[in-house]
Amino acid sequence: MQDDAITLDTNIFVADGLRLESGLLARMSQFKSGSAKFILSEIMVREISNKLHERAADARKDLKKAIHASSSAQARQTACTKSFG
């Protein structure tokens, strides 16, 4: 008896935008009832997790920059209003 298996490389998930719920990983559910098994190795789980953490850190950094820029702009606007208002 031969076992059929499907696995994907981490780069496939990255290229698909790491969309786990709606991307390629979600489409793997089509094999759920078949004889092929979808295998996600521990290495891939770690790599995908690391990529998601990197994206979250980048998003957090971008958000902090945006908040700082908004606060600075608001402070300048308030100072102008007090000076000329």
Protein backbone atom coordinates (compact mmCIF):
# COMPACT_ATOMS: atom_id res chain seq x y z
CA MET A 1 0.00 0.00 0.00
CA GLN A 2 1.39 3.36 -1.05
CA ASP A 3 0.67 6.52 0.93
CA ASP A 4 0.20 9.68 -1.10
CA ALA A 5 1.31 12.93 0.50
CA ILE A 6 1.28 16.60 -0.42
CA THR A 7 3.55 19.20 1.09
CA LEU A 8 4.46 22.74 0.17
CA ASP A 9 7.56 24.83 0.67
CA THR A 10 7.46 27.89 2.92
CA ASN A 11 8.17 30.11 -0.09
CA ILE A 12 4.82 29.09 -1.57
CA PHE A 13 3.05 30.47 1.51
CA VAL A 14 5.15 33.65 1.44
CA ALA A 15 4.40 34.18 -2.26
CA ASP A 16 0.70 33.70 -1.46
CA GLY A 17 0.91 36.51 1.10
CA LEU A 18 0.87 34.20 4.14
CA ARG A 19 -2.92 34.10 3.84
CA LEU A 20 -3.56 30.97 5.83
CA GLU A 21 -7.36 31.14 6.09
CA SER A 22 -8.13 32.16 2.52
CA GLY A 23 -4.99 31.37 0.58
CA LEU A 24 -3.33 28.24 -0.62
CA LEU A 25 -3.47 26.50 2.75
CA ALA A 26 -7.26 26.82 2.78
CA ARG A 27 -7.40 25.29 -0.68
CA MET A 28 -5.60 22.20 0.61
CA SER A 29 -8.87 21.22 2.29
CA GLN A 30 -9.97 19.82 -1.08
CA PHE A 31 -7.73 16.82 -0.33
CA LYS A 32 -9.31 16.17 3.07
CA SER A 33 -11.56 13.36 1.90
CA GLY A 34 -9.06 11.84 -0.53
CA SER A 35 -6.29 9.36 0.09
CA ALA A 36 -3.53 11.98 -0.06
CA LYS A 37 -2.38 13.50 3.21
CA PHE A 38 -1.27 17.09 3.55
CA ILE A 39 1.95 17.24 5.55
CA LEU A 40 3.16 20.41 7.22
CA SER A 41 6.55 19.78 8.79
CA GLU A 42 7.69 21.32 12.07
CA ILE A 43 10.35 23.25 10.16
CA MET A 44 7.68 24.79 7.91
CA VAL A 45 5.49 25.62 10.91
CA ARG A 46 8.45 27.43 12.54
CA GLU A 47 9.38 29.25 9.32
CA ILE A 48 5.81 30.38 8.68
CA SER A 49 5.42 31.42 12.30
CA ASN A 50 8.65 33.44 12.10
CA LYS A 51 7.47 35.15 8.90
CA LEU A 52 4.15 36.03 10.55
CA HIS A 53 5.97 37.43 13.60
CA GLU A 54 8.23 39.49 11.32
CA ARG A 55 5.21 40.94 9.52
CA ALA A 56 3.51 41.72 12.82
CA ALA A 57 6.67 43.47 14.10
CA ASP A 58 6.90 45.50 10.88
CA ALA A 59 3.22 46.44 11.13
CA ARG A 60 3.68 47.46 14.77
CA LYS A 61 6.68 49.61 13.83
CA ASP A 62 4.76 51.24 10.96
CA LEU A 63 1.82 51.92 13.26
CA LYS A 64 4.08 53.57 15.85
CA LYS A 65 5.58 55.77 13.12
CA ALA A 66 2.13 56.76 11.91
CA ILE A 67 0.94 57.57 15.43
CA HIS A 68 4.07 59.64 16.06
CA ALA A 69 3.66 61.48 12.75
CA SER A 70 -0.01 62.13 13.49
CA SER A 71 0.79 63.38 17.00
CA SER A 72 3.52 65.66 15.66
CA ALA A 73 1.22 67.08 12.97
CA GLN A 74 -1.53 67.62 15.52
CA ALA A 75 0.90 69.37 17.88
CA ARG A 76 2.07 71.66 15.05
CA GLN A 77 -1.52 72.44 14.10
CA THR A 78 -2.39 73.24 17.70
CA ALA A 79 0.66 75.52 18.00
CA CYS A 80 -0.29 77.34 14.77
CA THR A 81 -3.86 77.75 15.96
CA LYS A 82 -2.69 79.24 19.26
CA SER A 83 -0.23 81.56 17.50
CA PHE A 84 -2.57 82.80 14.80
CA GLY A 85 -5.97 82.02 16.20
